[in-house]
Amino acid sequence: MDGVHASSGPGPAGTPPGGGGFEIRVGGKISDTFKSAFDELTVVLRPAETVLLGAGLDQSALYAILDRIQALGLELLEVRRLPGPAGDAG
């Protein structure tokens, strides 16, 4: 997706470029092999979890990502919708 990039730095998990989207947290740090399964997302590694950020995802894309998380045996901790740009009621 345009405007979304992979990052392994420990920076804060903010709103992805382009406004609203989803923040998905999984337990533990995922390996580089698993990171490649989420190329369309920004990947932020934290000490006890991995944060996956996606901008412009529709529900079918979100469910596909959740299916991948389950298929890889990752522990899903949280899924959260991020606020869109100011004035976006969506």
PDB file of N, CA and C in Angstrom:
ATOM      1  N   MET A   1       0.836  -1.185   0.000  1.00  0.00           N
ATOM      2  CA  MET A   1       0.000   0.000   0.000  1.00  0.00           C
ATOM      3  C   MET A   1       0.873   1.237   0.000  1.00  0.00           C
ATOM      4  N   ASP A   2       0.408   2.281  -0.634  1.00  0.00           N
ATOM      5  CA  ASP A   2       1.158   3.515  -0.698  1.00  0.00           C
ATOM      6  C   ASP A   2       1.236   4.168   0.674  1.00  0.00           C
ATOM      7  N   GLY A   3       2.419   4.716   0.993  1.00  0.00           N
ATOM      8  CA  GLY A   3       2.567   5.465   2.223  1.00  0.00           C
ATOM      9  C   GLY A   3       2.744   4.619   3.470  1.00  0.00           C
ATOM     10  N   VAL A   4       2.846   3.297   3.327  1.00  0.00           N
ATOM     11  CA  VAL A   4       3.041   2.427   4.471  1.00  0.00           C
ATOM     12  C   VAL A   4       4.381   1.744   4.290  1.00  0.00           C
ATOM     13  N   HIS A   5       5.172   1.684   5.354  1.00  0.00           N
ATOM     14  CA  HIS A   5       6.506   1.114   5.266  1.00  0.00           C
ATOM     15  C   HIS A   5       6.789   0.250   6.485  1.00  0.00           C
ATOM     16  N   ALA A   6       7.755  -0.645   6.337  1.00  0.00           N
ATOM     17  CA  ALA A   6       8.140  -1.497   7.463  1.00  0.00           C
ATOM     18  C   ALA A   6       9.186  -0.781   8.288  1.00  0.00           C
ATOM     19  N   SER A   7       9.083  -0.908   9.589  1.00  0.00           N
ATOM     20  CA  SER A   7      10.030  -0.299  10.503  1.00  0.00           C
ATOM     21  C   SER A   7      10.258  -1.254  11.663  1.00  0.00           C
ATOM     22  N   SER A   8      11.527  -1.463  11.999  1.00  0.00           N
ATOM     23  CA  SER A   8      11.795  -2.330  13.136  1.00  0.00           C
ATOM     24  C   SER A   8      12.258  -1.533  14.344  1.00  0.00           C
ATOM     25  N   GLY A   9      12.232  -0.216  14.246  1.00  0.00           N
ATOM     26  CA  GLY A   9      12.672   0.626  15.348  1.00  0.00           C
ATOM     27  C   GLY A   9      11.681   0.638  16.488  1.00  0.00           C
ATOM     28  N   PRO A  10      12.145   1.011  17.666  1.00  0.00           N
ATOM     29  CA  PRO A  10      11.280   0.993  18.843  1.00  0.00           C
ATOM     30  C   PRO A  10      10.460   2.267  19.012  1.00  0.00           C
ATOM     31  N   GLY A  11      10.293   3.047  17.956  1.00  0.00           N
ATOM     32  CA  GLY A  11       9.583   4.312  18.051  1.00  0.00           C
ATOM     33  C   GLY A  11       8.141   4.132  18.482  1.00  0.00           C
ATOM     34  N   PRO A  12       7.491   5.224  18.855  1.00  0.00           N
ATOM     35  CA  PRO A  12       6.113   5.137  19.328  1.00  0.00           C
ATOM     36  C   PRO A  12       5.177   4.684  18.220  1.00  0.00           C
ATOM     37  N   ALA A  13       4.148   3.959  18.606  1.00  0.00           N
ATOM     38  CA  ALA A  13       3.151   3.497  17.645  1.00  0.00           C
ATOM     39  C   ALA A  13       2.124   4.593  17.480  1.00  0.00           C
ATOM     40  N   GLY A  14       2.243   5.362  16.425  1.00  0.00           N
ATOM     41  CA  GLY A  14       1.315   6.455  16.195  1.00  0.00           C
ATOM     42  C   GLY A  14       0.378   6.123  15.061  1.00  0.00           C
ATOM     43  N   THR A  15      -0.341   7.118  14.606  1.00  0.00           N
ATOM     44  CA  THR A  15      -1.235   6.943  13.484  1.00  0.00           C
ATOM     45  C   THR A  15      -0.412   6.740  12.222  1.00  0.00           C
ATOM     46  N   PRO A  16      -0.743   5.725  11.429  1.00  0.00           N
ATOM     47  CA  PRO A  16       0.008   5.497  10.199  1.00  0.00           C
ATOM     48  C   PRO A  16      -0.138   6.674   9.240  1.00  0.00           C
ATOM     49  N   PRO A  17       0.833   6.821   8.313  1.00  0.00           N
ATOM     50  CA  PRO A  17       0.731   7.896   7.336  1.00  0.00           C
ATOM     51  C   PRO A  17      -0.596   7.820   6.592  1.00  0.00           C
ATOM     52  N   GLY A  18      -1.195   8.940   6.290  1.00  0.00           N
ATOM     53  CA  GLY A  18      -2.428   8.955   5.534  1.00  0.00           C
ATOM     54  C   GLY A  18      -3.676   8.956   6.384  1.00  0.00           C
ATOM     55  N   GLY A  19      -3.544   8.976   7.706  1.00  0.00           N
ATOM     56  CA  GLY A  19      -4.724   9.083   8.556  1.00  0.00           C
ATOM     57  C   GLY A  19      -5.100   7.800   9.230  1.00  0.00           C
ATOM     58  N   GLY A  20      -6.427   7.521   9.278  1.00  0.00           N
ATOM     59  CA  GLY A  20      -6.964   6.406  10.042  1.00  0.00           C
ATOM     60  C   GLY A  20      -6.531   5.058   9.537  1.00  0.00           C
ATOM     61  N   GLY A  21      -6.722   4.090  10.366  1.00  0.00           N
ATOM     62  CA  GLY A  21      -6.362   2.725  10.041  1.00  0.00           C
ATOM     63  C   GLY A  21      -6.577   1.858  11.258  1.00  0.00           C
ATOM     64  N   PHE A  22      -5.786   0.792  11.340  1.00  0.00           N
ATOM     65  CA  PHE A  22      -5.901  -0.144  12.447  1.00  0.00           C
ATOM     66  C   PHE A  22      -4.555  -0.364  13.104  1.00  0.00           C
ATOM     67  N   GLU A  23      -4.596  -0.604  14.409  1.00  0.00           N
ATOM     68  CA  GLU A  23      -3.423  -0.990  15.185  1.00  0.00           C
ATOM     69  C   GLU A  23      -3.704  -2.380  15.725  1.00  0.00           C
ATOM     70  N   ILE A  24      -2.815  -3.311  15.414  1.00  0.00           N
ATOM     71  CA  ILE A  24      -2.969  -4.698  15.833  1.00  0.00           C
ATOM     72  C   ILE A  24      -1.751  -5.052  16.669  1.00  0.00           C
ATOM     73  N   ARG A  25      -1.986  -5.545  17.876  1.00  0.00           N
ATOM     74  CA  ARG A  25      -0.884  -5.921  18.765  1.00  0.00           C
ATOM     75  C   ARG A  25      -0.862  -7.435  18.932  1.00  0.00           C
ATOM     76  N   VAL A  26       0.342  -8.001  18.769  1.00  0.00           N
ATOM     77  CA  VAL A  26       0.529  -9.436  18.981  1.00  0.00           C
ATOM     78  C   VAL A  26       1.617  -9.630  20.022  1.00  0.00           C
ATOM     79  N   GLY A  27       1.530 -10.724  20.757  1.00  0.00           N
ATOM     80  CA  GLY A  27       2.487 -10.998  21.822  1.00  0.00           C
ATOM     81  C   GLY A  27       3.859 -11.348  21.281  1.00  0.00           C
ATOM     82  N   GLY A  28       4.888 -10.849  21.951  1.00  0.00           N
ATOM     83  CA  GLY A  28       6.271 -11.163  21.610  1.00  0.00           C
ATOM     84  C   GLY A  28       6.772 -10.378  20.408  1.00  0.00           C
ATOM     85  N   LYS A  29       8.056 -10.568  20.118  1.00  0.00           N
ATOM     86  CA  LYS A  29       8.666  -9.965  18.939  1.00  0.00           C
ATOM     87  C   LYS A  29       8.595 -10.978  17.810  1.00  0.00           C
ATOM     88  N   ILE A  30       8.062 -10.561  16.674  1.00  0.00           N
ATOM     89  CA  ILE A  30       7.994 -11.494  15.551  1.00  0.00           C
ATOM     90  C   ILE A  30       9.321 -11.471  14.795  1.00  0.00           C
ATOM     91  N   SER A  31       9.643 -12.588  14.188  1.00  0.00           N
ATOM     92  CA  SER A  31      10.903 -12.725  13.460  1.00  0.00           C
ATOM     93  C   SER A  31      10.825 -12.017  12.109  1.00  0.00           C
ATOM     94  N   ASP A  32      11.980 -11.875  11.461  1.00  0.00           N
ATOM     95  CA  ASP A  32      12.019 -11.267  10.132  1.00  0.00           C
ATOM     96  C   ASP A  32      11.182 -12.067   9.140  1.00  0.00           C
ATOM     97  N   THR A  33      11.164 -13.382   9.289  1.00  0.00           N
ATOM     98  CA  THR A  33      10.353 -14.226   8.409  1.00  0.00           C
ATOM     99  C   THR A  33       8.882 -13.893   8.571  1.00  0.00           C
ATOM    100  N   PHE A  34       8.425 -13.765   9.806  1.00  0.00           N
ATOM    101  CA  PHE A  34       7.025 -13.419  10.045  1.00  0.00           C
ATOM    102  C   PHE A  34       6.737 -11.983   9.608  1.00  0.00           C
ATOM    103  N   LYS A  35       7.706 -11.072   9.783  1.00  0.00           N
ATOM    104  CA  LYS A  35       7.500  -9.688   9.353  1.00  0.00           C
ATOM    105  C   LYS A  35       7.203  -9.626   7.859  1.00  0.00           C
ATOM    106  N   SER A  36       7.826 -10.495   7.078  1.00  0.00           N
ATOM    107  CA  SER A  36       7.597 -10.475   5.633  1.00  0.00           C
ATOM    108  C   SER A  36       6.168 -10.872   5.271  1.00  0.00           C
ATOM    109  N   ALA A  37       5.461 -11.532   6.187  1.00  0.00           N
ATOM    110  CA  ALA A  37       4.056 -11.890   5.952  1.00  0.00           C
ATOM    111  C   ALA A  37       3.140 -10.683   6.084  1.00  0.00           C
ATOM    112  N   PHE A  38       3.682  -9.568   6.577  1.00  0.00           N
ATOM    113  CA  PHE A  38       2.886  -8.362   6.805  1.00  0.00           C
ATOM    114  C   PHE A  38       3.499  -7.165   6.081  1.00  0.00           C
ATOM    115  N   ASP A  39       3.904  -7.369   4.827  1.00  0.00           N
ATOM    116  CA  ASP A  39       4.574  -6.314   4.062  1.00  0.00           C
ATOM    117  C   ASP A  39       3.727  -5.065   3.881  1.00  0.00           C
ATOM    118  N   GLU A  40       2.393  -5.199   3.898  1.00  0.00           N
ATOM    119  CA  GLU A  40       1.532  -4.041   3.674  1.00  0.00           C
ATOM    120  C   GLU A  40       1.350  -3.208   4.933  1.00  0.00           C
ATOM    121  N   LEU A  41       1.961  -3.620   6.046  1.00  0.00           N
ATOM    122  CA  LEU A  41       1.800  -2.953   7.330  1.00  0.00           C
ATOM    123  C   LEU A  41       3.115  -2.365   7.809  1.00  0.00           C
ATOM    124  N   THR A  42       3.019  -1.387   8.694  1.00  0.00           N
ATOM    125  CA  THR A  42       4.189  -0.898   9.414  1.00  0.00           C
ATOM    126  C   THR A  42       4.350  -1.795  10.636  1.00  0.00           C
ATOM    127  N   VAL A  43       5.537  -2.346  10.814  1.00  0.00           N
ATOM    128  CA  VAL A  43       5.804  -3.265  11.918  1.00  0.00           C
ATOM    129  C   VAL A  43       6.713  -2.565  12.924  1.00  0.00           C
ATOM    130  N   VAL A  44       6.245  -2.448  14.171  1.00  0.00           N
ATOM    131  CA  VAL A  44       7.015  -1.817  15.239  1.00  0.00           C
ATOM    132  C   VAL A  44       7.254  -2.867  16.316  1.00  0.00           C
ATOM    133  N   LEU A  45       8.526  -3.183  16.548  1.00  0.00           N
ATOM    134  CA  LEU A  45       8.871  -4.169  17.569  1.00  0.00           C
ATOM    135  C   LEU A  45       9.015  -3.483  18.917  1.00  0.00           C
ATOM    136  N   ARG A  46       8.378  -4.039  19.918  1.00  0.00           N
ATOM    137  CA  ARG A  46       8.469  -3.576  21.303  1.00  0.00           C
ATOM    138  C   ARG A  46       9.072  -4.712  22.122  1.00  0.00           C
ATOM    139  N   PRO A  47       9.499  -4.457  23.364  1.00  0.00           N
ATOM    140  CA  PRO A  47      10.103  -5.529  24.161  1.00  0.00           C
ATOM    141  C   PRO A  47       9.196  -6.749  24.353  1.00  0.00           C
ATOM    142  N   ALA A  48       7.913  -6.547  24.625  1.00  0.00           N
ATOM    143  CA  ALA A  48       7.032  -7.679  24.929  1.00  0.00           C
ATOM    144  C   ALA A  48       5.970  -7.918  23.864  1.00  0.00           C
ATOM    145  N   GLU A  49       5.971  -7.111  22.801  1.00  0.00           N
ATOM    146  CA  GLU A  49       4.920  -7.254  21.792  1.00  0.00           C
ATOM    147  C   GLU A  49       5.380  -6.659  20.472  1.00  0.00           C
ATOM    148  N   THR A  50       4.609  -6.953  19.441  1.00  0.00           N
ATOM    149  CA  THR A  50       4.813  -6.361  18.126  1.00  0.00           C
ATOM    150  C   THR A  50       3.541  -5.619  17.765  1.00  0.00           C
ATOM    151  N   VAL A  51       3.691  -4.397  17.258  1.00  0.00           N
ATOM    152  CA  VAL A  51       2.554  -3.583  16.847  1.00  0.00           C
ATOM    153  C   VAL A  51       2.543  -3.529  15.322  1.00  0.00           C
ATOM    154  N   LEU A  52       1.407  -3.879  14.734  1.00  0.00           N
ATOM    155  CA  LEU A  52       1.213  -3.825  13.291  1.00  0.00           C
ATOM    156  C   LEU A  52       0.260  -2.679  12.999  1.00  0.00           C
ATOM    157  N   LEU A  53       0.695  -1.734  12.168  1.00  0.00           N
ATOM    158  CA  LEU A  53      -0.110  -0.561  11.836  1.00  0.00           C
ATOM    159  C   LEU A  53      -0.474  -0.605  10.369  1.00  0.00           C
ATOM    160  N   GLY A  54      -1.756  -0.405  10.082  1.00  0.00           N
ATOM    161  CA  GLY A  54      -2.208  -0.401   8.699  1.00  0.00           C
ATOM    162  C   GLY A  54      -3.100   0.780   8.416  1.00  0.00           C
ATOM    163  N   ALA A  55      -2.800   1.503   7.353  1.00  0.00           N
ATOM    164  CA  ALA A  55      -3.608   2.648   6.941  1.00  0.00           C
ATOM    165  C   ALA A  55      -4.465   2.249   5.747  1.00  0.00           C
ATOM    166  N   GLY A  56      -5.683   2.770   5.724  1.00  0.00           N
ATOM    167  CA  GLY A  56      -6.546   2.557   4.580  1.00  0.00           C
ATOM    168  C   GLY A  56      -7.013   1.126   4.396  1.00  0.00           C
ATOM    169  N   LEU A  57      -7.098   0.365   5.469  1.00  0.00           N
ATOM    170  CA  LEU A  57      -7.551  -1.026   5.369  1.00  0.00           C
ATOM    171  C   LEU A  57      -9.067  -1.089   5.431  1.00  0.00           C
ATOM    172  N   ASP A  58      -9.664  -1.870   4.542  1.00  0.00           N
ATOM    173  CA  ASP A  58     -11.088  -2.132   4.678  1.00  0.00           C
ATOM    174  C   ASP A  58     -11.252  -3.387   5.540  1.00  0.00           C
ATOM    175  N   GLN A  59     -12.483  -3.748   5.852  1.00  0.00           N
ATOM    176  CA  GLN A  59     -12.706  -4.875   6.756  1.00  0.00           C
ATOM    177  C   GLN A  59     -12.201  -6.198   6.184  1.00  0.00           C
ATOM    178  N   SER A  60     -12.331  -6.396   4.880  1.00  0.00           N
ATOM    179  CA  SER A  60     -11.858  -7.660   4.310  1.00  0.00           C
ATOM    180  C   SER A  60     -10.341  -7.770   4.430  1.00  0.00           C
ATOM    181  N   ALA A  61      -9.620  -6.661   4.253  1.00  0.00           N
ATOM    182  CA  ALA A  61      -8.169  -6.672   4.426  1.00  0.00           C
ATOM    183  C   ALA A  61      -7.808  -6.937   5.883  1.00  0.00           C
ATOM    184  N   LEU A  62      -8.547  -6.338   6.807  1.00  0.00           N
ATOM    185  CA  LEU A  62      -8.301  -6.567   8.229  1.00  0.00           C
ATOM    186  C   LEU A  62      -8.503  -8.035   8.587  1.00  0.00           C
ATOM    187  N   TYR A  63      -9.597  -8.627   8.108  1.00  0.00           N
ATOM    188  CA  TYR A  63      -9.843 -10.044   8.394  1.00  0.00           C
ATOM    189  C   TYR A  63      -8.769 -10.943   7.784  1.00  0.00           C
ATOM    190  N   ALA A  64      -8.257 -10.586   6.619  1.00  0.00           N
ATOM    191  CA  ALA A  64      -7.180 -11.366   6.003  1.00  0.00           C
ATOM    192  C   ALA A  64      -5.923 -11.311   6.873  1.00  0.00           C
ATOM    193  N   ILE A  65      -5.630 -10.142   7.434  1.00  0.00           N
ATOM    194  CA  ILE A  65      -4.471 -10.003   8.321  1.00  0.00           C
ATOM    195  C   ILE A  65      -4.681 -10.824   9.589  1.00  0.00           C
ATOM    196  N   LEU A  66      -5.879 -10.771  10.150  1.00  0.00           N
ATOM    197  CA  LEU A  66      -6.171 -11.556  11.356  1.00  0.00           C
ATOM    198  C   LEU A  66      -6.060 -13.051  11.066  1.00  0.00           C
ATOM    199  N   ASP A  67      -6.484 -13.482   9.874  1.00  0.00           N
ATOM    200  CA  ASP A  67      -6.325 -14.886   9.487  1.00  0.00           C
ATOM    201  C   ASP A  67      -4.857 -15.276   9.425  1.00  0.00           C
ATOM    202  N   ARG A  68      -4.003 -14.384   8.890  1.00  0.00           N
ATOM    203  CA  ARG A  68      -2.560 -14.656   8.839  1.00  0.00           C
ATOM    204  C   ARG A  68      -1.977 -14.777  10.235  1.00  0.00           C
ATOM    205  N   ILE A  69      -2.395 -13.887  11.137  1.00  0.00           N
ATOM    206  CA  ILE A  69      -1.917 -13.937  12.522  1.00  0.00           C
ATOM    207  C   ILE A  69      -2.248 -15.285  13.133  1.00  0.00           C
ATOM    208  N   GLN A  70      -3.478 -15.750  12.919  1.00  0.00           N
ATOM    209  CA  GLN A  70      -3.897 -17.045  13.461  1.00  0.00           C
ATOM    210  C   GLN A  70      -3.118 -18.183  12.810  1.00  0.00           C
ATOM    211  N   ALA A  71      -2.961 -18.141  11.499  1.00  0.00           N
ATOM    212  CA  ALA A  71      -2.257 -19.212  10.780  1.00  0.00           C
ATOM    213  C   ALA A  71      -0.793 -19.328  11.210  1.00  0.00           C
ATOM    214  N   LEU A  72      -0.189 -18.199  11.579  1.00  0.00           N
ATOM    215  CA  LEU A  72       1.200 -18.202  12.028  1.00  0.00           C
ATOM    216  C   LEU A  72       1.341 -18.560  13.503  1.00  0.00           C
ATOM    217  N   GLY A  73       0.211 -18.721  14.181  1.00  0.00           N
ATOM    218  CA  GLY A  73       0.251 -19.100  15.589  1.00  0.00           C
ATOM    219  C   GLY A  73       0.650 -17.965  16.514  1.00  0.00           C
ATOM    220  N   LEU A  74       0.447 -16.726  16.079  1.00  0.00           N
ATOM    221  CA  LEU A  74       0.780 -15.574  16.914  1.00  0.00           C
ATOM    222  C   LEU A  74      -0.338 -15.307  17.909  1.00  0.00           C
ATOM    223  N   GLU A  75       0.018 -14.764  19.046  1.00  0.00           N
ATOM    224  CA  GLU A  75      -0.965 -14.429  20.077  1.00  0.00           C
ATOM    225  C   GLU A  75      -1.526 -13.040  19.817  1.00  0.00           C
ATOM    226  N   LEU A  76      -2.801 -12.965  19.487  1.00  0.00           N
ATOM    227  CA  LEU A  76      -3.457 -11.679  19.255  1.00  0.00           C
ATOM    228  C   LEU A  76      -3.789 -11.043  20.596  1.00  0.00           C
ATOM    229  N   LEU A  77      -3.283  -9.835  20.825  1.00  0.00           N
ATOM    230  CA  LEU A  77      -3.523  -9.136  22.086  1.00  0.00           C
ATOM    231  C   LEU A  77      -4.620  -8.085  21.964  1.00  0.00           C
ATOM    232  N   GLU A  78      -4.623  -7.344  20.839  1.00  0.00           N
ATOM    233  CA  GLU A  78      -5.561  -6.236  20.711  1.00  0.00           C
ATOM    234  C   GLU A  78      -5.680  -5.815  19.251  1.00  0.00           C
ATOM    235  N   VAL A  79      -6.890  -5.433  18.863  1.00  0.00           N
ATOM    236  CA  VAL A  79      -7.140  -4.801  17.570  1.00  0.00           C
ATOM    237  C   VAL A  79      -7.876  -3.508  17.870  1.00  0.00           C
ATOM    238  N   ARG A  80      -7.383  -2.418  17.313  1.00  0.00           N
ATOM    239  CA  ARG A  80      -7.956  -1.120  17.627  1.00  0.00           C
ATOM    240  C   ARG A  80      -8.020  -0.266  16.367  1.00  0.00           C
ATOM    241  N   ARG A  81      -9.147   0.392  16.167  1.00  0.00           N
ATOM    242  CA  ARG A  81      -9.269   1.332  15.052  1.00  0.00           C
ATOM    243  C   ARG A  81      -8.648   2.652  15.479  1.00  0.00           C
ATOM    244  N   LEU A  82      -7.806   3.200  14.620  1.00  0.00           N
ATOM    245  CA  LEU A  82      -7.163   4.478  14.907  1.00  0.00           C
ATOM    246  C   LEU A  82      -8.012   5.608  14.354  1.00  0.00           C
ATOM    247  N   PRO A  83      -7.985   6.756  15.007  1.00  0.00           N
ATOM    248  CA  PRO A  83      -8.776   7.889  14.519  1.00  0.00           C
ATOM    249  C   PRO A  83      -8.295   8.349  13.156  1.00  0.00           C
ATOM    250  N   GLY A  84      -9.261   8.780  12.357  1.00  0.00           N
ATOM    251  CA  GLY A  84      -8.934   9.329  11.050  1.00  0.00           C
ATOM    252  C   GLY A  84      -8.532  10.781  11.159  1.00  0.00           C
ATOM    253  N   PRO A  85      -8.327  11.410  10.022  1.00  0.00           N
ATOM    254  CA  PRO A  85      -7.987  12.835  10.033  1.00  0.00           C
ATOM    255  C   PRO A  85      -9.096  13.654  10.683  1.00  0.00           C
ATOM    256  N   ALA A  86      -8.766  14.826  11.173  1.00  0.00           N
ATOM    257  CA  ALA A  86      -9.761  15.700  11.825  1.00  0.00           C
ATOM    258  C   ALA A  86     -10.951  15.921  10.914  1.00  0.00           C
ATOM    259  N   GLY A  87     -12.144  15.782  11.483  1.00  0.00           N
ATOM    260  CA  GLY A  87     -13.364  15.982  10.718  1.00  0.00           C
ATOM    261  C   GLY A  87     -13.871  14.742  10.036  1.00  0.00           C
ATOM    262  N   ASP A  88     -13.117  13.609  10.128  1.00  0.00           N
ATOM    263  CA  ASP A  88     -13.547  12.356   9.512  1.00  0.00           C
ATOM    264  C   ASP A  88     -14.438  11.603  10.482  1.00  0.00           C
ATOM    265  N   ALA A  89     -15.692  11.467  10.161  1.00  0.00           N
ATOM    266  CA  ALA A  89     -16.645  10.788  11.055  1.00  0.00           C
ATOM    267  C   ALA A  89     -16.684   9.306  10.798  1.00  0.00           C
ATOM    268  N   GLY A  90     -15.877   8.768   9.813  1.00  0.00           N
ATOM    269  CA  GLY A  90     -15.928   7.375   9.433  1.00  0.00           C
ATOM    270  C   GLY A  90     -15.418   6.502  10.480  1.00  0.00           C
TER     271      GLY A  90
END
